[in-house]
Amino acid sequence: MKQFFPNHPISLIIFFIALGLFFTTRLCAEPSDATLVQAVMCESIENFQPLNPAVVFSISQGEVFCFSNFDPVIKKTYIFHRWYKKDNLIFTMRLTLSPPKWSSFSRVQLRDADKGPWRVEIRAANDFLLKTLRFSMVD
């Protein structure tokens, strides 16, 4: 009968590393209760649709929206929109999603002091990062 592993400790080490990577990948790729199909930054929302998606916004506009669309939504859950300005967390919005599909949005009111780089992280209820949207505020 042929041995599965040769009598080399390095073979066992490689096997256990590969096994560990397999299980780590499976645990980190945990399926979500909702599938993100669209995420954009936009100037406004009308009839639950984003208007004028962009990556650069004028402060004079007064507000900016983060729109996210999920399909399907398997069961009622929630997500987070985390707004960052220059890597500083400004606020977090918890949004509820309901089956069978759901669109949601959050927004920020703009001031002159808000010029510069921003990002919104869209995270699942288990804190898994679904998407990062980067944009800038200008004059």
N, C-alpha and C. Protein backbone atom coordinates (compact mmCIF):
# COMPACT_ATOMS: atom_id res chain seq x y z
N MET A 1 0.84 -1.17 0.00
CA MET A 1 0.00 0.00 0.00
C MET A 1 0.89 1.24 0.00
N LYS A 2 0.57 2.18 -0.88
CA LYS A 2 1.37 3.39 -1.01
C LYS A 2 0.94 4.41 0.04
N GLN A 3 1.93 5.06 0.65
CA GLN A 3 1.63 6.09 1.65
C GLN A 3 1.14 7.35 0.96
N PHE A 4 0.15 8.00 1.60
CA PHE A 4 -0.37 9.26 1.06
C PHE A 4 0.66 10.37 1.24
N PHE A 5 1.28 10.42 2.41
CA PHE A 5 2.31 11.42 2.68
C PHE A 5 3.66 10.73 2.75
N PRO A 6 4.64 11.30 2.08
CA PRO A 6 5.99 10.77 2.25
C PRO A 6 6.45 11.07 3.68
N ASN A 7 7.50 10.45 4.09
CA ASN A 7 8.01 10.64 5.45
C ASN A 7 8.83 11.93 5.55
N HIS A 8 8.30 13.00 5.01
CA HIS A 8 8.97 14.30 5.07
C HIS A 8 8.08 15.27 5.83
N PRO A 9 8.60 15.86 6.88
CA PRO A 9 7.79 16.80 7.66
C PRO A 9 7.33 18.00 6.84
N ILE A 10 8.10 18.38 5.84
CA ILE A 10 7.72 19.54 5.03
C ILE A 10 6.42 19.28 4.27
N SER A 11 6.20 18.04 3.84
CA SER A 11 4.97 17.69 3.14
C SER A 11 3.76 17.85 4.05
N LEU A 12 3.91 17.43 5.30
CA LEU A 12 2.82 17.59 6.27
C LEU A 12 2.55 19.06 6.54
N ILE A 13 3.58 19.84 6.66
CA ILE A 13 3.41 21.28 6.92
C ILE A 13 2.66 21.93 5.77
N ILE A 14 3.06 21.63 4.54
CA ILE A 14 2.39 22.20 3.37
C ILE A 14 0.93 21.77 3.33
N PHE A 15 0.67 20.51 3.63
CA PHE A 15 -0.71 20.02 3.64
C PHE A 15 -1.56 20.79 4.65
N PHE A 16 -1.07 20.96 5.87
CA PHE A 16 -1.86 21.64 6.90
C PHE A 16 -2.02 23.13 6.63
N ILE A 17 -1.03 23.75 6.01
CA ILE A 17 -1.18 25.15 5.62
C ILE A 17 -2.27 25.28 4.56
N ALA A 18 -2.24 24.40 3.56
CA ALA A 18 -3.26 24.43 2.51
C ALA A 18 -4.65 24.17 3.09
N LEU A 19 -4.75 23.23 4.01
CA LEU A 19 -6.03 22.93 4.65
C LEU A 19 -6.53 24.14 5.44
N GLY A 20 -5.65 24.79 6.17
CA GLY A 20 -6.02 25.98 6.93
C GLY A 20 -6.48 27.11 6.03
N LEU A 21 -5.77 27.32 4.91
CA LEU A 21 -6.18 28.36 3.96
C LEU A 21 -7.55 28.06 3.36
N PHE A 22 -7.81 26.81 3.07
CA PHE A 22 -9.12 26.43 2.52
C PHE A 22 -10.24 26.80 3.48
N PHE A 23 -10.11 26.40 4.74
CA PHE A 23 -11.17 26.67 5.72
C PHE A 23 -11.27 28.15 6.05
N THR A 24 -10.16 28.87 6.09
CA THR A 24 -10.20 30.31 6.34
C THR A 24 -10.93 31.01 5.22
N THR A 25 -10.65 30.65 3.99
CA THR A 25 -11.33 31.25 2.84
C THR A 25 -12.82 30.97 2.88
N ARG A 26 -13.21 29.77 3.23
CA ARG A 26 -14.62 29.41 3.29
C ARG A 26 -15.34 30.20 4.37
N LEU A 27 -14.70 30.40 5.52
CA LEU A 27 -15.34 31.15 6.60
C LEU A 27 -15.43 32.63 6.28
N CYS A 28 -14.43 33.20 5.63
CA CYS A 28 -14.45 34.62 5.31
C CYS A 28 -15.41 34.93 4.18
N ALA A 29 -15.67 33.97 3.32
CA ALA A 29 -16.57 34.18 2.20
C ALA A 29 -17.99 33.76 2.56
N GLU A 30 -18.35 34.00 3.80
CA GLU A 30 -19.67 33.63 4.31
C GLU A 30 -20.77 34.28 3.48
N PRO A 31 -21.77 33.51 3.04
CA PRO A 31 -22.84 34.09 2.23
C PRO A 31 -23.65 35.08 3.05
N SER A 32 -24.07 36.13 2.39
CA SER A 32 -24.85 37.18 3.04
C SER A 32 -26.33 36.90 2.84
N ASP A 33 -27.15 37.55 3.68
CA ASP A 33 -28.60 37.44 3.53
C ASP A 33 -29.11 38.33 2.40
N ALA A 34 -28.22 39.14 1.82
CA ALA A 34 -28.59 40.04 0.73
C ALA A 34 -27.41 40.19 -0.22
N THR A 35 -27.71 40.34 -1.52
CA THR A 35 -26.68 40.49 -2.53
C THR A 35 -26.69 41.92 -3.06
N LEU A 36 -25.57 42.60 -2.92
CA LEU A 36 -25.44 43.97 -3.42
C LEU A 36 -25.28 43.92 -4.93
N VAL A 37 -26.20 44.59 -5.66
CA VAL A 37 -26.13 44.59 -7.12
C VAL A 37 -25.77 45.96 -7.68
N GLN A 38 -25.94 47.02 -6.87
CA GLN A 38 -25.60 48.36 -7.33
C GLN A 38 -25.28 49.23 -6.12
N ALA A 39 -24.23 50.03 -6.25
CA ALA A 39 -23.87 51.00 -5.21
C ALA A 39 -23.22 52.19 -5.89
N VAL A 40 -23.78 53.39 -5.68
CA VAL A 40 -23.24 54.60 -6.30
C VAL A 40 -23.42 55.79 -5.37
N MET A 41 -22.56 56.77 -5.57
CA MET A 41 -22.73 58.08 -4.97
C MET A 41 -23.47 58.92 -6.00
N CYS A 42 -24.42 59.75 -5.55
CA CYS A 42 -25.21 60.52 -6.50
C CYS A 42 -25.67 61.85 -5.89
N GLU A 43 -26.20 62.72 -6.76
CA GLU A 43 -26.66 64.03 -6.33
C GLU A 43 -28.02 63.99 -5.66
N SER A 44 -28.85 63.00 -6.04
CA SER A 44 -30.21 62.94 -5.51
C SER A 44 -30.79 61.54 -5.72
N ILE A 45 -31.93 61.30 -5.08
CA ILE A 45 -32.68 60.05 -5.25
C ILE A 45 -34.10 60.42 -5.68
N GLU A 46 -34.58 59.76 -6.73
CA GLU A 46 -35.95 59.99 -7.19
C GLU A 46 -36.58 58.64 -7.53
N ASN A 47 -37.74 58.36 -6.94
CA ASN A 47 -38.42 57.07 -7.13
C ASN A 47 -37.48 55.90 -6.81
N PHE A 48 -36.72 56.04 -5.75
CA PHE A 48 -35.75 55.04 -5.30
C PHE A 48 -34.72 54.68 -6.36
N GLN A 49 -34.37 55.66 -7.19
CA GLN A 49 -33.31 55.50 -8.18
C GLN A 49 -32.31 56.64 -8.03
N PRO A 50 -31.02 56.35 -8.21
CA PRO A 50 -30.01 57.41 -8.08
C PRO A 50 -30.04 58.36 -9.29
N LEU A 51 -29.93 59.66 -9.01
CA LEU A 51 -29.85 60.66 -10.07
C LEU A 51 -28.45 61.27 -10.09
N ASN A 52 -27.89 61.36 -11.29
CA ASN A 52 -26.58 61.96 -11.52
C ASN A 52 -25.47 61.33 -10.67
N PRO A 53 -25.22 60.04 -10.87
CA PRO A 53 -24.09 59.41 -10.17
C PRO A 53 -22.78 60.11 -10.56
N ALA A 54 -21.87 60.22 -9.61
CA ALA A 54 -20.60 60.90 -9.88
C ALA A 54 -19.57 60.50 -8.83
N VAL A 55 -18.34 60.99 -9.02
CA VAL A 55 -17.28 60.79 -8.03
C VAL A 55 -16.73 62.13 -7.54
N VAL A 56 -17.17 63.22 -8.14
CA VAL A 56 -16.80 64.57 -7.71
C VAL A 56 -18.08 65.37 -7.55
N PHE A 57 -18.24 66.01 -6.37
CA PHE A 57 -19.45 66.78 -6.07
C PHE A 57 -19.07 68.17 -5.60
N SER A 58 -19.91 69.15 -5.96
CA SER A 58 -19.71 70.52 -5.53
C SER A 58 -20.32 70.72 -4.14
N ILE A 59 -19.59 71.43 -3.29
CA ILE A 59 -20.09 71.75 -1.95
C ILE A 59 -21.40 72.54 -2.07
N SER A 60 -21.52 73.35 -3.12
CA SER A 60 -22.72 74.18 -3.29
C SER A 60 -23.99 73.35 -3.48
N GLN A 61 -23.83 72.10 -3.80
CA GLN A 61 -24.98 71.21 -3.98
C GLN A 61 -25.77 71.03 -2.68
N GLY A 62 -25.09 71.06 -1.55
CA GLY A 62 -25.76 70.99 -0.26
C GLY A 62 -25.85 69.61 0.36
N GLU A 63 -25.90 68.55 -0.46
CA GLU A 63 -25.95 67.19 0.08
C GLU A 63 -25.51 66.19 -0.98
N VAL A 64 -25.07 65.03 -0.51
CA VAL A 64 -24.65 63.92 -1.38
C VAL A 64 -25.27 62.65 -0.82
N PHE A 65 -25.67 61.74 -1.74
CA PHE A 65 -26.35 60.50 -1.36
C PHE A 65 -25.48 59.29 -1.68
N CYS A 66 -25.58 58.27 -0.84
CA CYS A 66 -25.03 56.95 -1.12
C CYS A 66 -26.22 56.02 -1.33
N PHE A 67 -26.34 55.47 -2.54
CA PHE A 67 -27.45 54.60 -2.91
C PHE A 67 -26.94 53.17 -3.00
N SER A 68 -27.70 52.22 -2.43
CA SER A 68 -27.34 50.80 -2.55
C SER A 68 -28.60 49.98 -2.86
N ASN A 69 -28.44 49.02 -3.77
CA ASN A 69 -29.55 48.20 -4.23
C ASN A 69 -29.18 46.73 -4.03
N PHE A 70 -30.08 45.97 -3.39
CA PHE A 70 -29.84 44.57 -3.06
C PHE A 70 -30.91 43.69 -3.70
N ASP A 71 -30.46 42.62 -4.38
CA ASP A 71 -31.39 41.68 -5.01
C ASP A 71 -30.64 40.37 -5.26
N PRO A 72 -31.03 39.30 -4.61
CA PRO A 72 -32.18 39.18 -3.70
C PRO A 72 -31.80 39.52 -2.26
N VAL A 73 -32.85 39.73 -1.47
CA VAL A 73 -32.73 39.81 -0.02
C VAL A 73 -33.43 38.56 0.51
N ILE A 74 -32.68 37.64 1.07
CA ILE A 74 -33.21 36.34 1.49
C ILE A 74 -34.10 36.46 2.71
N LYS A 75 -33.64 37.22 3.70
CA LYS A 75 -34.44 37.44 4.90
C LYS A 75 -34.14 38.84 5.43
N LYS A 76 -35.02 39.34 6.27
CA LYS A 76 -34.84 40.68 6.81
C LYS A 76 -33.49 40.77 7.52
N THR A 77 -32.73 41.81 7.17
CA THR A 77 -31.41 42.01 7.73
C THR A 77 -31.12 43.50 7.73
N TYR A 78 -29.91 43.87 8.00
CA TYR A 78 -29.53 45.27 7.93
C TYR A 78 -28.11 45.40 7.41
N ILE A 79 -27.81 46.60 6.94
CA ILE A 79 -26.47 46.94 6.45
C ILE A 79 -26.06 48.26 7.10
N PHE A 80 -24.81 48.62 6.89
CA PHE A 80 -24.31 49.90 7.39
C PHE A 80 -23.70 50.69 6.25
N HIS A 81 -23.98 51.99 6.21
CA HIS A 81 -23.24 52.93 5.38
C HIS A 81 -22.34 53.70 6.34
N ARG A 82 -21.03 53.53 6.20
CA ARG A 82 -20.07 54.23 7.07
C ARG A 82 -19.38 55.32 6.25
N TRP A 83 -19.63 56.56 6.62
CA TRP A 83 -19.11 57.72 5.92
C TRP A 83 -17.79 58.18 6.55
N TYR A 84 -16.73 58.28 5.73
CA TYR A 84 -15.42 58.71 6.18
C TYR A 84 -14.98 59.95 5.41
N LYS A 85 -14.42 60.91 6.12
CA LYS A 85 -13.79 62.08 5.50
C LYS A 85 -12.31 62.01 5.86
N LYS A 86 -11.45 61.95 4.85
CA LYS A 86 -10.00 61.85 5.08
C LYS A 86 -9.67 60.78 6.12
N ASP A 87 -10.24 59.62 5.99
CA ASP A 87 -10.00 58.46 6.87
C ASP A 87 -10.53 58.61 8.29
N ASN A 88 -11.33 59.63 8.55
CA ASN A 88 -11.97 59.80 9.86
C ASN A 88 -13.45 59.44 9.74
N LEU A 89 -13.91 58.52 10.56
CA LEU A 89 -15.32 58.13 10.53
C LEU A 89 -16.17 59.32 10.98
N ILE A 90 -17.08 59.76 10.10
CA ILE A 90 -17.95 60.91 10.40
C ILE A 90 -19.26 60.43 11.00
N PHE A 91 -19.89 59.43 10.36
CA PHE A 91 -21.09 58.83 10.94
C PHE A 91 -21.39 57.50 10.29
N THR A 92 -22.21 56.72 10.97
CA THR A 92 -22.65 55.41 10.49
C THR A 92 -24.16 55.40 10.46
N MET A 93 -24.71 54.95 9.33
CA MET A 93 -26.16 54.82 9.18
C MET A 93 -26.50 53.34 9.07
N ARG A 94 -27.37 52.86 9.96
CA ARG A 94 -27.85 51.48 9.89
C ARG A 94 -29.14 51.49 9.07
N LEU A 95 -29.19 50.64 8.04
CA LEU A 95 -30.33 50.57 7.13
C LEU A 95 -30.89 49.15 7.11
N THR A 96 -32.20 49.04 7.22
CA THR A 96 -32.87 47.73 7.21
C THR A 96 -33.19 47.32 5.78
N LEU A 97 -32.97 46.04 5.47
CA LEU A 97 -33.32 45.45 4.17
C LEU A 97 -34.39 44.39 4.40
N SER A 98 -35.39 44.36 3.53
CA SER A 98 -36.47 43.36 3.62
C SER A 98 -36.62 42.62 2.31
N PRO A 99 -37.05 41.33 2.34
CA PRO A 99 -37.24 40.55 1.12
C PRO A 99 -38.38 41.12 0.27
N PRO A 100 -38.41 40.81 -1.00
CA PRO A 100 -37.46 39.99 -1.78
C PRO A 100 -36.28 40.80 -2.31
N LYS A 101 -36.44 42.13 -2.47
CA LYS A 101 -35.32 42.99 -2.87
C LYS A 101 -35.53 44.35 -2.23
N TRP A 102 -34.44 45.12 -2.13
CA TRP A 102 -34.55 46.37 -1.38
C TRP A 102 -33.50 47.36 -1.85
N SER A 103 -33.91 48.63 -1.95
CA SER A 103 -32.98 49.73 -2.20
C SER A 103 -32.94 50.60 -0.96
N SER A 104 -31.78 51.14 -0.68
CA SER A 104 -31.64 52.01 0.49
C SER A 104 -30.65 53.12 0.17
N PHE A 105 -30.70 54.17 0.98
CA PHE A 105 -29.75 55.25 0.78
C PHE A 105 -29.53 55.99 2.09
N SER A 106 -28.40 56.67 2.14
CA SER A 106 -28.10 57.59 3.24
C SER A 106 -27.54 58.85 2.59
N ARG A 107 -27.44 59.92 3.37
CA ARG A 107 -26.95 61.17 2.80
C ARG A 107 -26.19 61.97 3.85
N VAL A 108 -25.39 62.89 3.33
CA VAL A 108 -24.66 63.80 4.21
C VAL A 108 -24.96 65.23 3.74
N GLN A 109 -25.18 66.11 4.71
CA GLN A 109 -25.34 67.54 4.44
C GLN A 109 -23.94 68.14 4.32
N LEU A 110 -23.74 69.00 3.32
CA LEU A 110 -22.41 69.53 3.04
C LEU A 110 -22.20 70.93 3.59
N ARG A 111 -20.94 71.17 4.05
CA ARG A 111 -20.51 72.50 4.50
C ARG A 111 -19.17 72.79 3.84
N ASP A 112 -18.74 74.02 3.87
CA ASP A 112 -17.44 74.38 3.26
C ASP A 112 -16.30 73.55 3.83
N ALA A 113 -16.38 73.22 5.10
CA ALA A 113 -15.31 72.45 5.74
C ALA A 113 -15.23 71.00 5.24
N ASP A 114 -16.20 70.57 4.43
CA ASP A 114 -16.26 69.18 3.98
C ASP A 114 -15.50 68.91 2.69
N LYS A 115 -14.78 69.91 2.17
CA LYS A 115 -14.01 69.70 0.94
C LYS A 115 -12.93 68.66 1.18
N GLY A 116 -12.67 67.87 0.14
CA GLY A 116 -11.60 66.88 0.22
C GLY A 116 -12.09 65.48 -0.11
N PRO A 117 -11.22 64.48 0.12
CA PRO A 117 -11.55 63.09 -0.20
C PRO A 117 -12.48 62.47 0.85
N TRP A 118 -13.43 61.70 0.36
CA TRP A 118 -14.40 60.98 1.19
C TRP A 118 -14.50 59.55 0.70
N ARG A 119 -15.08 58.70 1.54
CA ARG A 119 -15.46 57.35 1.12
C ARG A 119 -16.64 56.89 1.96
N VAL A 120 -17.42 55.98 1.38
CA VAL A 120 -18.49 55.31 2.12
C VAL A 120 -18.22 53.82 2.02
N GLU A 121 -18.16 53.16 3.17
CA GLU A 121 -18.06 51.70 3.20
C GLU A 121 -19.45 51.14 3.42
N ILE A 122 -19.85 50.21 2.56
CA ILE A 122 -21.12 49.51 2.73
C ILE A 122 -20.79 48.16 3.33
N ARG A 123 -21.31 47.91 4.52
CA ARG A 123 -20.98 46.69 5.27
C ARG A 123 -22.24 45.91 5.60
N ALA A 124 -22.10 44.57 5.59
CA ALA A 124 -23.19 43.67 5.96
C ALA A 124 -23.35 43.69 7.48
N ALA A 125 -24.41 43.06 7.95
CA ALA A 125 -24.70 42.99 9.39
C ALA A 125 -23.55 42.34 10.16
N ASN A 126 -22.81 41.42 9.52
CA ASN A 126 -21.67 40.75 10.17
C ASN A 126 -20.37 41.54 10.02
N ASP A 127 -20.47 42.79 9.55
CA ASP A 127 -19.34 43.71 9.37
C ASP A 127 -18.49 43.38 8.15
N PHE A 128 -18.93 42.46 7.31
CA PHE A 128 -18.22 42.13 6.07
C PHE A 128 -18.30 43.32 5.11
N LEU A 129 -17.17 43.74 4.57
CA LEU A 129 -17.14 44.87 3.64
C LEU A 129 -17.69 44.44 2.29
N LEU A 130 -18.80 45.05 1.87
CA LEU A 130 -19.42 44.72 0.59
C LEU A 130 -18.86 45.60 -0.54
N LYS A 131 -18.65 46.88 -0.24
CA LYS A 131 -18.19 47.81 -1.29
C LYS A 131 -17.66 49.08 -0.63
N THR A 132 -16.66 49.67 -1.25
CA THR A 132 -16.17 50.98 -0.85
C THR A 132 -16.36 51.93 -2.01
N LEU A 133 -17.03 53.05 -1.76
CA LEU A 133 -17.24 54.09 -2.77
C LEU A 133 -16.39 55.30 -2.39
N ARG A 134 -15.52 55.73 -3.30
CA ARG A 134 -14.65 56.89 -3.04
C ARG A 134 -15.12 58.06 -3.90
N PHE A 135 -15.07 59.26 -3.31
CA PHE A 135 -15.49 60.46 -4.03
C PHE A 135 -14.85 61.68 -3.38
N SER A 136 -15.01 62.84 -4.04
CA SER A 136 -14.42 64.08 -3.53
C SER A 136 -15.45 65.19 -3.50
N MET A 137 -15.28 66.10 -2.53
CA MET A 137 -16.07 67.32 -2.42
C MET A 137 -15.17 68.48 -2.83
N VAL A 138 -15.67 69.33 -3.74
CA VAL A 138 -14.89 70.47 -4.24
C VAL A 138 -15.74 71.74 -4.20
N ASP A 139 -15.11 72.90 -4.54
CA ASP A 139 -15.84 74.18 -4.59
C ASP A 139 -17.00 74.12 -5.56
